Amino acid sequence: MKRIDWRRKISSRKFWAAVSGVVISVMIIFGADSGSQERIAGAITSTGVLVTYILAEGSTDKAALDNSDDE
């Protein structure tokens, strides 16, 4: 069975766009106003940016640490 690389999936812009799309669609179904939809979409987008940054920095730090161990 192939293992899913969750770190890569969570840091994907496509993933965060899909999450945002689903949440906004559900909000529309339940009659949320456009202001609320915009705020939620902004919160999801900023969370995606933050998660991607943290994972990228962690990966960079790990690579630097691995390289220093090789020397």
N, C-alpha and C. Protein backbone atom coordinates (compact mmCIF):
# COMPACT_ATOMS: atom_id res chain seq x y z
N MET A 1 0.84 -1.18 0.00
CA MET A 1 0.00 0.00 0.00
C MET A 1 0.89 1.25 0.00
N LYS A 2 0.58 2.16 -0.88
CA LYS A 2 1.36 3.38 -1.01
C LYS A 2 1.04 4.35 0.14
N ARG A 3 2.07 4.92 0.73
CA ARG A 3 1.91 5.85 1.85
C ARG A 3 1.65 7.27 1.32
N ILE A 4 0.71 7.97 1.93
CA ILE A 4 0.36 9.33 1.53
C ILE A 4 1.31 10.31 2.21
N ASP A 5 1.89 11.21 1.43
CA ASP A 5 2.79 12.23 1.96
C ASP A 5 1.94 13.44 2.39
N TRP A 6 1.45 13.40 3.64
CA TRP A 6 0.55 14.44 4.13
C TRP A 6 1.23 15.80 4.21
N ARG A 7 2.51 15.81 4.54
CA ARG A 7 3.24 17.09 4.61
C ARG A 7 3.19 17.81 3.26
N ARG A 8 3.40 17.06 2.20
CA ARG A 8 3.36 17.65 0.86
C ARG A 8 1.95 18.09 0.48
N LYS A 9 0.97 17.28 0.82
CA LYS A 9 -0.41 17.62 0.49
C LYS A 9 -0.87 18.87 1.23
N ILE A 10 -0.57 18.95 2.53
CA ILE A 10 -1.01 20.09 3.33
C ILE A 10 -0.33 21.39 2.91
N SER A 11 0.87 21.30 2.35
CA SER A 11 1.57 22.51 1.93
C SER A 11 1.23 22.90 0.49
N SER A 12 0.29 22.20 -0.11
CA SER A 12 -0.11 22.48 -1.49
C SER A 12 -1.13 23.62 -1.57
N ARG A 13 -0.92 24.52 -2.50
CA ARG A 13 -1.89 25.60 -2.73
C ARG A 13 -3.21 25.05 -3.23
N LYS A 14 -3.14 23.98 -4.01
CA LYS A 14 -4.36 23.35 -4.52
C LYS A 14 -5.20 22.81 -3.37
N PHE A 15 -4.56 22.24 -2.37
CA PHE A 15 -5.28 21.73 -1.21
C PHE A 15 -6.04 22.85 -0.51
N TRP A 16 -5.36 23.96 -0.26
CA TRP A 16 -6.00 25.07 0.45
C TRP A 16 -7.09 25.72 -0.40
N ALA A 17 -6.92 25.75 -1.72
CA ALA A 17 -7.98 26.26 -2.59
C ALA A 17 -9.20 25.34 -2.53
N ALA A 18 -8.95 24.04 -2.47
CA ALA A 18 -10.07 23.08 -2.38
C ALA A 18 -10.79 23.22 -1.04
N VAL A 19 -10.03 23.36 0.05
CA VAL A 19 -10.64 23.54 1.37
C VAL A 19 -11.50 24.80 1.37
N SER A 20 -10.95 25.88 0.86
CA SER A 20 -11.68 27.14 0.80
C SER A 20 -12.95 27.00 -0.03
N GLY A 21 -12.84 26.34 -1.17
CA GLY A 21 -14.00 26.15 -2.04
C GLY A 21 -15.11 25.36 -1.37
N VAL A 22 -14.74 24.30 -0.68
CA VAL A 22 -15.74 23.48 0.02
C VAL A 22 -16.41 24.28 1.13
N VAL A 23 -15.61 24.97 1.94
CA VAL A 23 -16.17 25.73 3.06
C VAL A 23 -17.10 26.83 2.56
N ILE A 24 -16.68 27.57 1.53
CA ILE A 24 -17.51 28.65 1.00
C ILE A 24 -18.79 28.08 0.40
N SER A 25 -18.69 26.95 -0.29
CA SER A 25 -19.88 26.32 -0.86
C SER A 25 -20.88 25.94 0.23
N VAL A 26 -20.39 25.38 1.32
CA VAL A 26 -21.28 25.02 2.43
C VAL A 26 -21.90 26.28 3.03
N MET A 27 -21.11 27.34 3.15
CA MET A 27 -21.65 28.60 3.69
C MET A 27 -22.76 29.14 2.79
N ILE A 28 -22.57 29.03 1.48
CA ILE A 28 -23.60 29.50 0.54
C ILE A 28 -24.88 28.68 0.71
N ILE A 29 -24.72 27.37 0.85
CA ILE A 29 -25.88 26.50 1.03
C ILE A 29 -26.69 26.92 2.26
N PHE A 30 -25.98 27.31 3.32
CA PHE A 30 -26.66 27.68 4.56
C PHE A 30 -26.97 29.18 4.65
N GLY A 31 -26.78 29.90 3.56
CA GLY A 31 -27.21 31.29 3.48
C GLY A 31 -26.33 32.31 4.16
N ALA A 32 -25.04 32.04 4.31
CA ALA A 32 -24.13 33.02 4.94
C ALA A 32 -23.96 34.23 4.02
N ASP A 33 -23.85 35.39 4.62
CA ASP A 33 -23.69 36.61 3.81
C ASP A 33 -22.29 36.67 3.20
N SER A 34 -22.12 37.50 2.17
CA SER A 34 -20.85 37.56 1.44
C SER A 34 -19.70 38.07 2.31
N GLY A 35 -20.00 38.95 3.27
CA GLY A 35 -18.95 39.43 4.17
C GLY A 35 -18.36 38.30 4.99
N SER A 36 -19.21 37.43 5.50
CA SER A 36 -18.74 36.27 6.27
C SER A 36 -17.93 35.33 5.38
N GLN A 37 -18.40 35.14 4.16
CA GLN A 37 -17.69 34.27 3.22
C GLN A 37 -16.29 34.81 2.94
N GLU A 38 -16.18 36.12 2.75
CA GLU A 38 -14.88 36.73 2.49
C GLU A 38 -13.94 36.58 3.68
N ARG A 39 -14.46 36.78 4.88
CA ARG A 39 -13.62 36.65 6.09
C ARG A 39 -13.14 35.22 6.27
N ILE A 40 -14.02 34.26 6.05
CA ILE A 40 -13.64 32.85 6.19
C ILE A 40 -12.62 32.46 5.12
N ALA A 41 -12.84 32.88 3.88
CA ALA A 41 -11.89 32.59 2.81
C ALA A 41 -10.52 33.20 3.14
N GLY A 42 -10.52 34.40 3.68
CA GLY A 42 -9.26 35.03 4.09
C GLY A 42 -8.57 34.27 5.20
N ALA A 43 -9.34 33.78 6.16
CA ALA A 43 -8.76 33.01 7.26
C ALA A 43 -8.17 31.70 6.76
N ILE A 44 -8.87 31.04 5.86
CA ILE A 44 -8.36 29.78 5.31
C ILE A 44 -7.10 30.02 4.50
N THR A 45 -7.11 31.06 3.68
CA THR A 45 -5.94 31.38 2.86
C THR A 45 -4.73 31.71 3.72
N SER A 46 -4.92 32.54 4.74
CA SER A 46 -3.79 32.90 5.59
C SER A 46 -3.28 31.70 6.38
N THR A 47 -4.17 30.80 6.79
CA THR A 47 -3.75 29.58 7.47
C THR A 47 -2.92 28.71 6.53
N GLY A 48 -3.35 28.61 5.28
CA GLY A 48 -2.59 27.84 4.29
C GLY A 48 -1.20 28.40 4.07
N VAL A 49 -1.11 29.71 3.99
CA VAL A 49 0.20 30.35 3.82
C VAL A 49 1.10 30.07 5.01
N LEU A 50 0.55 30.18 6.21
CA LEU A 50 1.32 29.94 7.43
C LEU A 50 1.80 28.49 7.52
N VAL A 51 0.92 27.54 7.25
CA VAL A 51 1.29 26.13 7.30
C VAL A 51 2.36 25.83 6.27
N THR A 52 2.21 26.34 5.06
CA THR A 52 3.20 26.12 4.00
C THR A 52 4.55 26.69 4.41
N TYR A 53 4.56 27.88 4.98
CA TYR A 53 5.81 28.50 5.43
C TYR A 53 6.48 27.66 6.51
N ILE A 54 5.71 27.22 7.49
CA ILE A 54 6.28 26.43 8.58
C ILE A 54 6.87 25.12 8.05
N LEU A 55 6.16 24.43 7.18
CA LEU A 55 6.67 23.18 6.63
C LEU A 55 7.91 23.40 5.77
N ALA A 56 7.91 24.47 4.98
CA ALA A 56 9.07 24.77 4.14
C ALA A 56 10.30 25.10 4.99
N GLU A 57 10.11 25.89 6.02
CA GLU A 57 11.23 26.24 6.91
C GLU A 57 11.73 25.01 7.65
N GLY A 58 10.82 24.17 8.10
CA GLY A 58 11.22 22.94 8.78
C GLY A 58 12.02 22.03 7.87
N SER A 59 11.60 21.93 6.63
CA SER A 59 12.31 21.11 5.64
C SER A 59 13.70 21.69 5.37
N THR A 60 13.79 23.01 5.25
CA THR A 60 15.07 23.66 5.01
C THR A 60 16.01 23.46 6.20
N ASP A 61 15.49 23.63 7.41
CA ASP A 61 16.30 23.43 8.61
C ASP A 61 16.78 21.99 8.73
N LYS A 62 15.90 21.02 8.40
CA LYS A 62 16.28 19.62 8.46
C LYS A 62 17.39 19.32 7.46
N ALA A 63 17.26 19.85 6.24
CA ALA A 63 18.29 19.63 5.22
C ALA A 63 19.62 20.23 5.66
N ALA A 64 19.59 21.41 6.25
CA ALA A 64 20.82 22.05 6.72
C ALA A 64 21.46 21.22 7.84
N LEU A 65 20.64 20.68 8.73
CA LEU A 65 21.13 19.86 9.82
C LEU A 65 21.73 18.56 9.29
N ASP A 66 21.05 17.94 8.33
CA ASP A 66 21.55 16.71 7.73
C ASP A 66 22.88 16.96 7.02
N ASN A 67 23.03 18.09 6.35
CA ASN A 67 24.27 18.42 5.66
C ASN A 67 25.41 18.67 6.64
N SER A 68 25.12 19.26 7.77
CA SER A 68 26.17 19.53 8.76
C SER A 68 26.62 18.25 9.44
N ASP A 69 25.74 17.24 9.52
CA ASP A 69 26.11 15.95 10.09
C ASP A 69 27.03 15.17 9.16
N ASP A 70 26.92 15.42 7.85
CA ASP A 70 27.72 14.71 6.86
C ASP A 70 29.17 15.18 6.83
N GLU A 71 29.40 16.36 7.33
CA GLU A 71 30.76 16.93 7.26
C GLU A 71 31.66 16.41 8.31
